[in-house]
Amino acid sequence: MAAKKNNYFIASVVIVIVLFSGIFMIFHTFNTKELPPAPTEMQLGDFENNQEGMFNGQLNNNYDQEEVDPVVVLFSSATVPGVNLIYYHYENKVVVGTPQMVVENVILFNDRPHWVGYTFKEGEKQYFFYDGEVVASSEFEPPQENSLTGFVTGAAQSYVYEGFENFEIK
C-alpha cells in the first residue's frame, strides 16, 4: 500500500511539472516582443575636400529610441579628421568643428524638427547653425598631422546620424 501511495505521489509531481512547463512555454511564446530589425545600412557622406565644406540637415522631430542617449554623434568626417558634430542631450549642448566649438542651449529631440548646419573654409571661419541662425563661429584650423593621442584603432570613416530626414554635404 505504501508503494502505491509513493507511485501516486511521484506521478502527481511529474504531472504538475509537465503542466507548469507547458503553461510556461505557451505563455512565453505568446508574450515575446518582436525585436526591431537591425539597421542594414548607415548613411554615409563626407566633405568633398579638406579646404572647405558644408553640412546641413533637418533632424526628424522624434528620436528613434524610447530614451535619448546621453551622447549622440550627428556627423563625423573622415575627409577632415576631428570635424564632428556631437550632441550632449542632458547638457543641451553641441560640440562641433576644429578647434572645437562648444555651443550651449541647443535642444534637439523635443518632438519638433530642427535644422542644424556647419560650414568651414581653411584660413577663414567655421560656423554652426541652429534652426537657421548662426549660433557659434570661430577661426577654422585644420587638424595637425599625427595629432592622434591615446589608444586609437580602426580606419577613419564618415558617418551621418540616421535621424536626419534629409541632409546635404559639399
N, C-alpha and C. Protein backbone atom coordinates (compact mmCIF):
# COMPACT_ATOMS: atom_id res chain seq x y z
N MET A 1 0.83 -1.20 0.00
CA MET A 1 0.00 0.00 0.00
C MET A 1 0.87 1.26 0.00
N ALA A 2 1.95 1.24 0.78
CA ALA A 2 2.83 2.40 0.84
C ALA A 2 3.50 2.62 -0.51
N ALA A 3 3.81 1.54 -1.21
CA ALA A 3 4.45 1.67 -2.53
C ALA A 3 3.48 2.32 -3.51
N LYS A 4 2.16 1.97 -3.42
CA LYS A 4 1.17 2.57 -4.31
C LYS A 4 1.04 4.07 -4.06
N LYS A 5 1.04 4.45 -2.78
CA LYS A 5 0.94 5.87 -2.45
C LYS A 5 2.17 6.63 -2.97
N ASN A 6 3.34 5.99 -2.84
CA ASN A 6 4.57 6.61 -3.32
C ASN A 6 4.52 6.77 -4.84
N ASN A 7 4.02 5.79 -5.56
CA ASN A 7 3.90 5.87 -7.02
C ASN A 7 2.92 6.97 -7.42
N TYR A 8 1.78 7.07 -6.69
CA TYR A 8 0.81 8.14 -6.98
C TYR A 8 1.43 9.51 -6.74
N PHE A 9 2.20 9.62 -5.68
CA PHE A 9 2.85 10.89 -5.37
C PHE A 9 3.83 11.29 -6.48
N ILE A 10 4.67 10.35 -6.91
CA ILE A 10 5.65 10.62 -7.97
C ILE A 10 4.94 10.98 -9.27
N ALA A 11 3.86 10.24 -9.58
CA ALA A 11 3.10 10.52 -10.80
C ALA A 11 2.47 11.91 -10.72
N SER A 12 1.98 12.28 -9.56
CA SER A 12 1.37 13.61 -9.38
C SER A 12 2.40 14.71 -9.57
N VAL A 13 3.59 14.53 -9.02
CA VAL A 13 4.65 15.52 -9.14
C VAL A 13 5.05 15.66 -10.62
N VAL A 14 5.18 14.55 -11.32
CA VAL A 14 5.55 14.59 -12.74
C VAL A 14 4.47 15.32 -13.55
N ILE A 15 3.21 15.05 -13.28
CA ILE A 15 2.11 15.71 -13.99
C ILE A 15 2.11 17.21 -13.73
N VAL A 16 2.34 17.61 -12.49
CA VAL A 16 2.38 19.03 -12.15
C VAL A 16 3.54 19.72 -12.88
N ILE A 17 4.70 19.08 -12.90
CA ILE A 17 5.86 19.66 -13.59
C ILE A 17 5.58 19.80 -15.08
N VAL A 18 4.99 18.78 -15.70
CA VAL A 18 4.68 18.83 -17.12
C VAL A 18 3.66 19.94 -17.39
N LEU A 19 2.64 20.09 -16.56
CA LEU A 19 1.64 21.13 -16.75
C LEU A 19 2.26 22.53 -16.65
N PHE A 20 3.05 22.75 -15.61
CA PHE A 20 3.69 24.06 -15.45
C PHE A 20 4.65 24.35 -16.60
N SER A 21 5.38 23.34 -17.06
CA SER A 21 6.28 23.54 -18.19
C SER A 21 5.50 23.92 -19.44
N GLY A 22 4.39 23.25 -19.68
CA GLY A 22 3.55 23.55 -20.84
C GLY A 22 2.97 24.95 -20.76
N ILE A 23 2.47 25.32 -19.57
CA ILE A 23 1.91 26.66 -19.39
C ILE A 23 3.00 27.72 -19.61
N PHE A 24 4.19 27.48 -19.07
CA PHE A 24 5.29 28.42 -19.25
C PHE A 24 5.64 28.57 -20.73
N MET A 25 5.73 27.47 -21.45
CA MET A 25 6.08 27.51 -22.88
C MET A 25 5.02 28.30 -23.67
N ILE A 26 3.75 28.05 -23.38
CA ILE A 26 2.68 28.75 -24.09
C ILE A 26 2.71 30.24 -23.75
N PHE A 27 2.84 30.57 -22.47
CA PHE A 27 2.88 31.97 -22.05
C PHE A 27 4.07 32.69 -22.66
N HIS A 28 5.24 32.05 -22.62
CA HIS A 28 6.45 32.65 -23.15
C HIS A 28 6.35 32.85 -24.66
N THR A 29 5.77 31.93 -25.38
CA THR A 29 5.65 32.03 -26.84
C THR A 29 4.74 33.18 -27.24
N PHE A 30 3.65 33.39 -26.55
CA PHE A 30 2.69 34.41 -26.94
C PHE A 30 3.04 35.80 -26.43
N ASN A 31 3.92 35.91 -25.45
CA ASN A 31 4.22 37.21 -24.86
C ASN A 31 5.61 37.74 -25.20
N THR A 32 6.27 37.18 -26.17
CA THR A 32 7.57 37.72 -26.54
C THR A 32 7.38 38.88 -27.50
N LYS A 33 8.07 39.95 -27.23
CA LYS A 33 8.01 41.11 -28.12
C LYS A 33 8.87 40.84 -29.34
N GLU A 34 8.39 41.32 -30.46
CA GLU A 34 9.17 41.18 -31.68
C GLU A 34 10.29 42.22 -31.64
N LEU A 35 11.51 41.79 -31.90
CA LEU A 35 12.64 42.69 -31.88
C LEU A 35 12.62 43.58 -33.11
N PRO A 36 12.99 44.84 -32.96
CA PRO A 36 13.05 45.71 -34.15
C PRO A 36 14.14 45.22 -35.08
N PRO A 37 13.99 45.45 -36.37
CA PRO A 37 15.02 45.00 -37.30
C PRO A 37 16.32 45.75 -37.09
N ALA A 38 17.41 45.06 -37.25
CA ALA A 38 18.72 45.68 -37.12
C ALA A 38 18.95 46.59 -38.32
N PRO A 39 19.63 47.71 -38.12
CA PRO A 39 19.89 48.58 -39.25
C PRO A 39 20.72 47.83 -40.30
N THR A 40 20.33 47.98 -41.54
CA THR A 40 21.03 47.29 -42.61
C THR A 40 22.11 48.15 -43.24
N GLU A 41 21.96 49.45 -43.15
CA GLU A 41 22.98 50.34 -43.69
C GLU A 41 22.92 51.65 -42.94
N MET A 42 24.06 52.34 -42.89
CA MET A 42 24.06 53.65 -42.27
C MET A 42 24.30 54.69 -43.35
N GLN A 43 23.87 55.88 -43.05
CA GLN A 43 24.04 56.96 -44.00
C GLN A 43 25.50 57.38 -44.03
N LEU A 44 26.04 57.45 -45.22
CA LEU A 44 27.42 57.89 -45.37
C LEU A 44 27.45 59.15 -46.22
N GLY A 45 28.37 59.97 -45.93
CA GLY A 45 28.56 61.19 -46.69
C GLY A 45 29.71 61.94 -46.08
N ASP A 46 30.42 62.71 -46.88
CA ASP A 46 31.55 63.44 -46.33
C ASP A 46 31.83 64.66 -47.20
N PHE A 47 32.69 65.53 -46.70
CA PHE A 47 33.06 66.72 -47.43
C PHE A 47 33.82 66.33 -48.71
N GLU A 48 33.71 67.18 -49.73
CA GLU A 48 34.39 66.91 -51.00
C GLU A 48 35.91 67.09 -50.88
N ASN A 49 36.35 67.98 -50.00
CA ASN A 49 37.79 68.19 -49.79
C ASN A 49 38.01 68.68 -48.37
N ASN A 50 39.27 68.89 -48.00
CA ASN A 50 39.55 69.31 -46.63
C ASN A 50 39.84 70.80 -46.50
N GLN A 51 39.63 71.57 -47.59
CA GLN A 51 39.85 73.02 -47.52
C GLN A 51 38.57 73.78 -47.17
N GLU A 52 37.44 73.31 -47.65
CA GLU A 52 36.17 73.96 -47.31
C GLU A 52 35.06 72.92 -47.42
N GLY A 53 34.01 73.15 -46.63
CA GLY A 53 32.91 72.21 -46.67
C GLY A 53 31.68 72.75 -46.00
N MET A 54 30.58 72.04 -46.24
CA MET A 54 29.29 72.44 -45.69
C MET A 54 28.48 71.18 -45.40
N PHE A 55 27.88 71.15 -44.22
CA PHE A 55 26.95 70.09 -43.86
C PHE A 55 25.70 70.76 -43.32
N ASN A 56 24.54 70.38 -43.80
CA ASN A 56 23.31 70.85 -43.16
C ASN A 56 22.25 69.79 -43.32
N GLY A 57 21.36 69.74 -42.36
CA GLY A 57 20.32 68.74 -42.41
C GLY A 57 19.20 69.03 -41.43
N GLN A 58 18.06 68.45 -41.73
CA GLN A 58 16.90 68.59 -40.84
C GLN A 58 16.71 67.28 -40.09
N LEU A 59 16.75 67.38 -38.76
CA LEU A 59 16.54 66.21 -37.92
C LEU A 59 15.06 65.89 -37.83
N ASN A 60 14.76 64.61 -37.77
CA ASN A 60 13.37 64.21 -37.54
C ASN A 60 12.88 64.81 -36.24
N ASN A 61 11.58 64.89 -36.07
CA ASN A 61 11.05 65.51 -34.86
C ASN A 61 10.97 64.55 -33.69
N ASN A 62 11.40 63.31 -33.87
CA ASN A 62 11.41 62.39 -32.74
C ASN A 62 12.68 61.57 -32.77
N TYR A 63 12.99 60.99 -31.64
CA TYR A 63 14.18 60.16 -31.51
C TYR A 63 13.77 58.72 -31.75
N ASP A 64 14.65 57.91 -32.31
CA ASP A 64 14.28 56.56 -32.72
C ASP A 64 14.32 55.53 -31.60
N GLN A 65 14.53 55.94 -30.38
CA GLN A 65 14.54 55.03 -29.24
C GLN A 65 13.62 55.60 -28.17
N GLU A 66 13.33 54.75 -27.16
CA GLU A 66 12.45 55.20 -26.09
C GLU A 66 13.06 56.37 -25.32
N GLU A 67 14.35 56.27 -25.04
CA GLU A 67 15.02 57.31 -24.28
C GLU A 67 16.21 57.82 -25.08
N VAL A 68 16.41 59.11 -25.08
CA VAL A 68 17.51 59.70 -25.84
C VAL A 68 18.83 59.34 -25.18
N ASP A 69 19.79 58.93 -26.00
CA ASP A 69 21.12 58.62 -25.48
C ASP A 69 21.77 59.90 -24.95
N PRO A 70 22.63 59.78 -23.95
CA PRO A 70 23.26 60.98 -23.40
C PRO A 70 24.15 61.69 -24.43
N VAL A 71 24.78 60.93 -25.32
CA VAL A 71 25.65 61.49 -26.35
C VAL A 71 25.22 60.93 -27.70
N VAL A 72 24.96 61.82 -28.67
CA VAL A 72 24.53 61.39 -30.00
C VAL A 72 25.49 62.00 -31.02
N VAL A 73 26.16 61.14 -31.78
CA VAL A 73 27.03 61.61 -32.86
C VAL A 73 26.14 61.89 -34.06
N LEU A 74 26.05 63.15 -34.45
CA LEU A 74 25.21 63.54 -35.58
C LEU A 74 25.98 63.48 -36.90
N PHE A 75 27.26 63.78 -36.88
CA PHE A 75 28.07 63.74 -38.08
C PHE A 75 29.53 63.57 -37.69
N SER A 76 30.25 62.80 -38.50
CA SER A 76 31.69 62.64 -38.30
C SER A 76 32.35 62.55 -39.67
N SER A 77 33.41 63.31 -39.87
CA SER A 77 34.08 63.37 -41.17
C SER A 77 35.35 62.54 -41.16
N ALA A 78 35.59 61.82 -42.27
CA ALA A 78 36.87 61.14 -42.48
C ALA A 78 37.78 62.01 -43.33
N THR A 79 37.19 62.87 -44.17
CA THR A 79 37.98 63.77 -45.02
C THR A 79 38.72 64.80 -44.18
N VAL A 80 38.06 65.32 -43.16
CA VAL A 80 38.68 66.28 -42.25
C VAL A 80 38.61 65.67 -40.84
N PRO A 81 39.60 64.84 -40.50
CA PRO A 81 39.58 64.18 -39.19
C PRO A 81 39.47 65.22 -38.07
N GLY A 82 38.65 64.93 -37.11
CA GLY A 82 38.45 65.85 -36.00
C GLY A 82 37.22 66.71 -36.15
N VAL A 83 36.66 66.79 -37.36
CA VAL A 83 35.42 67.55 -37.54
C VAL A 83 34.26 66.60 -37.27
N ASN A 84 33.62 66.83 -36.16
CA ASN A 84 32.48 66.04 -35.72
C ASN A 84 31.38 66.99 -35.26
N LEU A 85 30.18 66.49 -35.27
CA LEU A 85 29.02 67.22 -34.74
C LEU A 85 28.40 66.29 -33.70
N ILE A 86 28.63 66.61 -32.44
CA ILE A 86 28.23 65.73 -31.33
C ILE A 86 27.26 66.48 -30.43
N TYR A 87 26.14 65.83 -30.12
CA TYR A 87 25.10 66.44 -29.28
C TYR A 87 25.10 65.77 -27.91
N TYR A 88 25.16 66.57 -26.86
CA TYR A 88 25.09 66.10 -25.47
C TYR A 88 23.69 66.43 -24.96
N HIS A 89 22.82 65.43 -24.97
CA HIS A 89 21.40 65.64 -24.72
C HIS A 89 21.10 66.22 -23.34
N TYR A 90 21.66 65.64 -22.31
CA TYR A 90 21.32 66.09 -20.95
C TYR A 90 21.94 67.43 -20.60
N GLU A 91 22.93 67.85 -21.37
CA GLU A 91 23.56 69.15 -21.14
C GLU A 91 23.07 70.20 -22.13
N ASN A 92 22.24 69.78 -23.12
CA ASN A 92 21.73 70.68 -24.16
C ASN A 92 22.85 71.47 -24.83
N LYS A 93 23.87 70.74 -25.28
CA LYS A 93 24.96 71.42 -25.96
C LYS A 93 25.47 70.57 -27.12
N VAL A 94 26.12 71.27 -28.05
CA VAL A 94 26.73 70.65 -29.22
C VAL A 94 28.21 70.99 -29.20
N VAL A 95 29.03 70.02 -29.56
CA VAL A 95 30.46 70.25 -29.74
C VAL A 95 30.74 69.97 -31.21
N VAL A 96 31.33 70.96 -31.91
CA VAL A 96 31.48 70.86 -33.36
C VAL A 96 32.74 71.58 -33.80
N GLY A 97 33.35 71.08 -34.89
CA GLY A 97 34.42 71.80 -35.56
C GLY A 97 35.81 71.48 -35.05
N THR A 98 36.76 72.22 -35.66
CA THR A 98 38.16 72.14 -35.25
C THR A 98 38.78 73.52 -35.38
N PRO A 99 39.26 74.15 -34.33
CA PRO A 99 39.13 73.64 -32.97
C PRO A 99 37.66 73.58 -32.56
N GLN A 100 37.42 72.74 -31.57
CA GLN A 100 36.03 72.51 -31.16
C GLN A 100 35.37 73.76 -30.62
N MET A 101 34.13 73.94 -31.07
CA MET A 101 33.28 75.00 -30.51
C MET A 101 32.25 74.29 -29.63
N VAL A 102 32.04 74.80 -28.44
CA VAL A 102 31.01 74.27 -27.54
C VAL A 102 29.85 75.24 -27.58
N VAL A 103 28.70 74.74 -28.04
CA VAL A 103 27.53 75.58 -28.23
C VAL A 103 26.47 75.17 -27.20
N GLU A 104 26.15 76.08 -26.30
CA GLU A 104 25.18 75.82 -25.23
C GLU A 104 23.75 76.11 -25.71
N ASN A 105 22.77 75.64 -24.96
CA ASN A 105 21.34 75.90 -25.18
C ASN A 105 20.84 75.42 -26.54
N VAL A 106 21.32 74.27 -26.97
CA VAL A 106 20.82 73.63 -28.19
C VAL A 106 19.94 72.46 -27.75
N ILE A 107 18.68 72.52 -28.10
CA ILE A 107 17.73 71.48 -27.68
C ILE A 107 17.23 70.74 -28.91
N LEU A 108 17.57 69.47 -29.00
CA LEU A 108 17.13 68.61 -30.08
C LEU A 108 16.26 67.49 -29.49
N PHE A 109 15.58 66.75 -30.32
CA PHE A 109 14.76 65.60 -29.92
C PHE A 109 13.69 65.97 -28.89
N ASN A 110 12.96 67.05 -29.17
CA ASN A 110 11.89 67.50 -28.30
C ASN A 110 10.55 67.50 -29.05
N ASP A 111 10.37 66.51 -29.92
CA ASP A 111 9.14 66.34 -30.72
C ASP A 111 8.91 67.48 -31.71
N ARG A 112 9.97 68.18 -32.07
CA ARG A 112 9.91 69.20 -33.12
C ARG A 112 11.10 68.99 -34.04
N PRO A 113 10.92 69.19 -35.34
CA PRO A 113 12.08 69.07 -36.23
C PRO A 113 13.02 70.26 -36.03
N HIS A 114 14.30 69.99 -36.19
CA HIS A 114 15.31 71.05 -36.06
C HIS A 114 16.28 70.96 -37.22
N TRP A 115 16.77 72.10 -37.65
CA TRP A 115 17.74 72.18 -38.72
C TRP A 115 19.08 72.57 -38.12
N VAL A 116 20.13 71.80 -38.44
CA VAL A 116 21.48 72.11 -37.98
C VAL A 116 22.40 72.18 -39.19
N GLY A 117 23.41 73.02 -39.09
CA GLY A 117 24.36 73.16 -40.18
C GLY A 117 25.74 73.54 -39.68
N TYR A 118 26.73 73.22 -40.49
CA TYR A 118 28.12 73.55 -40.16
C TYR A 118 28.86 73.85 -41.46
N THR A 119 29.60 74.95 -41.50
CA THR A 119 30.43 75.27 -42.65
C THR A 119 31.82 75.67 -42.17
N PHE A 120 32.80 75.47 -43.05
CA PHE A 120 34.16 75.88 -42.73
C PHE A 120 34.89 76.19 -44.02
N LYS A 121 35.93 77.01 -43.89
CA LYS A 121 36.83 77.29 -45.01
C LYS A 121 38.21 77.53 -44.43
N GLU A 122 39.19 76.84 -44.99
CA GLU A 122 40.56 76.95 -44.49
C GLU A 122 41.04 78.39 -44.57
N GLY A 123 41.67 78.89 -43.51
CA GLY A 123 42.15 80.26 -43.45
C GLY A 123 41.07 81.26 -43.11
N GLU A 124 39.84 80.79 -42.94
CA GLU A 124 38.73 81.68 -42.59
C GLU A 124 38.01 81.10 -41.37
N LYS A 125 36.70 81.38 -41.28
CA LYS A 125 35.93 80.96 -40.11
C LYS A 125 35.16 79.68 -40.35
N GLN A 126 34.76 79.09 -39.24
CA GLN A 126 33.81 77.98 -39.24
C GLN A 126 32.55 78.48 -38.52
N TYR A 127 31.39 77.98 -38.95
CA TYR A 127 30.11 78.43 -38.39
C TYR A 127 29.24 77.23 -38.05
N PHE A 128 28.49 77.37 -36.96
CA PHE A 128 27.47 76.38 -36.62
C PHE A 128 26.11 77.07 -36.63
N PHE A 129 25.15 76.44 -37.32
CA PHE A 129 23.79 76.98 -37.46
C PHE A 129 22.82 76.09 -36.71
N TYR A 130 21.86 76.73 -36.03
CA TYR A 130 20.80 76.02 -35.32
C TYR A 130 19.47 76.68 -35.67
N ASP A 131 18.61 75.94 -36.32
CA ASP A 131 17.30 76.44 -36.76
C ASP A 131 17.42 77.75 -37.54
N GLY A 132 18.39 77.79 -38.46
CA GLY A 132 18.53 78.92 -39.36
C GLY A 132 19.33 80.09 -38.83
N GLU A 133 19.81 80.01 -37.61
CA GLU A 133 20.57 81.11 -37.00
C GLU A 133 22.02 80.68 -36.80
N VAL A 134 22.96 81.60 -37.03
CA VAL A 134 24.35 81.33 -36.68
C VAL A 134 24.45 81.49 -35.16
N VAL A 135 24.81 80.42 -34.49
CA VAL A 135 24.89 80.49 -33.02
C VAL A 135 26.32 80.35 -32.51
N ALA A 136 27.26 80.02 -33.41
CA ALA A 136 28.66 79.95 -33.00
C ALA A 136 29.55 80.10 -34.22
N SER A 137 30.70 80.73 -34.01
CA SER A 137 31.70 80.83 -35.07
C SER A 137 33.06 81.00 -34.42
N SER A 138 34.08 80.57 -35.14
CA SER A 138 35.47 80.76 -34.70
C SER A 138 36.37 80.52 -35.91
N GLU A 139 37.64 80.82 -35.76
CA GLU A 139 38.59 80.55 -36.84
C GLU A 139 38.68 79.04 -37.04
N PHE A 140 38.72 78.63 -38.31
CA PHE A 140 38.88 77.21 -38.63
C PHE A 140 40.36 76.89 -38.70
N GLU A 141 40.77 75.87 -38.00
CA GLU A 141 42.16 75.41 -38.03
C GLU A 141 42.14 73.92 -38.33
N PRO A 142 42.67 73.54 -39.49
CA PRO A 142 42.67 72.12 -39.82
C PRO A 142 43.49 71.33 -38.81
N PRO A 143 43.09 70.10 -38.57
CA PRO A 143 43.85 69.30 -37.60
C PRO A 143 45.27 69.04 -38.09
N GLN A 144 46.19 68.95 -37.16
CA GLN A 144 47.59 68.70 -37.49
C GLN A 144 47.80 67.22 -37.80
N GLU A 145 48.74 66.94 -38.67
CA GLU A 145 49.09 65.56 -38.96
C GLU A 145 49.59 64.87 -37.69
N ASN A 146 49.28 63.60 -37.57
CA ASN A 146 49.74 62.78 -36.43
C ASN A 146 49.35 63.38 -35.10
N SER A 147 48.16 63.98 -35.03
CA SER A 147 47.73 64.59 -33.78
C SER A 147 46.92 63.63 -32.93
N LEU A 148 46.84 62.35 -33.32
CA LEU A 148 46.09 61.38 -32.53
C LEU A 148 46.83 61.05 -31.25
N THR A 149 46.10 60.93 -30.19
CA THR A 149 46.68 60.55 -28.92
C THR A 149 45.84 59.45 -28.31
N GLY A 150 46.42 58.70 -27.42
CA GLY A 150 45.66 57.63 -26.76
C GLY A 150 45.60 56.39 -27.62
N PHE A 151 44.71 55.49 -27.25
CA PHE A 151 44.56 54.20 -27.92
C PHE A 151 43.54 54.34 -29.04
N VAL A 152 44.01 54.32 -30.27
CA VAL A 152 43.14 54.53 -31.42
C VAL A 152 43.20 53.29 -32.30
N THR A 153 42.04 52.75 -32.66
CA THR A 153 42.00 51.59 -33.56
C THR A 153 41.03 51.86 -34.69
N GLY A 154 41.20 51.13 -35.78
CA GLY A 154 40.25 51.22 -36.88
C GLY A 154 40.59 52.36 -37.82
N ALA A 155 39.98 52.28 -38.99
CA ALA A 155 40.19 53.31 -40.00
C ALA A 155 39.18 54.43 -39.84
N ALA A 156 39.57 55.62 -40.26
CA ALA A 156 38.65 56.76 -40.22
C ALA A 156 37.49 56.49 -41.17
N GLN A 157 36.30 56.82 -40.74
CA GLN A 157 35.11 56.61 -41.56
C GLN A 157 34.14 57.75 -41.30
N SER A 158 33.49 58.20 -42.36
CA SER A 158 32.50 59.25 -42.17
C SER A 158 31.20 58.63 -41.71
N TYR A 159 30.35 59.44 -41.08
CA TYR A 159 29.09 58.96 -40.53
C TYR A 159 28.10 60.10 -40.47
N VAL A 160 26.85 59.81 -40.82
CA VAL A 160 25.76 60.76 -40.67
C VAL A 160 24.65 60.06 -39.90
N TYR A 161 24.20 60.68 -38.82
CA TYR A 161 23.15 60.13 -37.97
C TYR A 161 21.90 59.81 -38.79
N GLU A 162 21.34 58.62 -38.59
CA GLU A 162 20.19 58.17 -39.38
C GLU A 162 18.91 58.95 -39.09
N GLY A 163 18.90 59.77 -38.07
CA GLY A 163 17.72 60.56 -37.74
C GLY A 163 17.55 61.81 -38.58
N PHE A 164 18.47 62.08 -39.50
CA PHE A 164 18.29 63.23 -40.38
C PHE A 164 17.26 62.88 -41.44
N GLU A 165 16.20 63.68 -41.51
CA GLU A 165 15.17 63.47 -42.53
C GLU A 165 15.75 63.70 -43.91
N ASN A 166 16.56 64.73 -44.03
CA ASN A 166 17.30 64.98 -45.26
C ASN A 166 18.55 65.75 -44.87
N PHE A 167 19.59 65.62 -45.70
CA PHE A 167 20.82 66.33 -45.41
C PHE A 167 21.58 66.56 -46.71
N GLU A 168 22.53 67.50 -46.65
CA GLU A 168 23.34 67.84 -47.80
C GLU A 168 24.77 68.07 -47.32
N ILE A 169 25.71 67.54 -48.07
CA ILE A 169 27.13 67.72 -47.74
C ILE A 169 27.85 68.14 -49.00
N LYS A 170 28.69 69.15 -48.89
CA LYS A 170 29.52 69.58 -50.03
C LYS A 170 30.95 69.71 -49.57
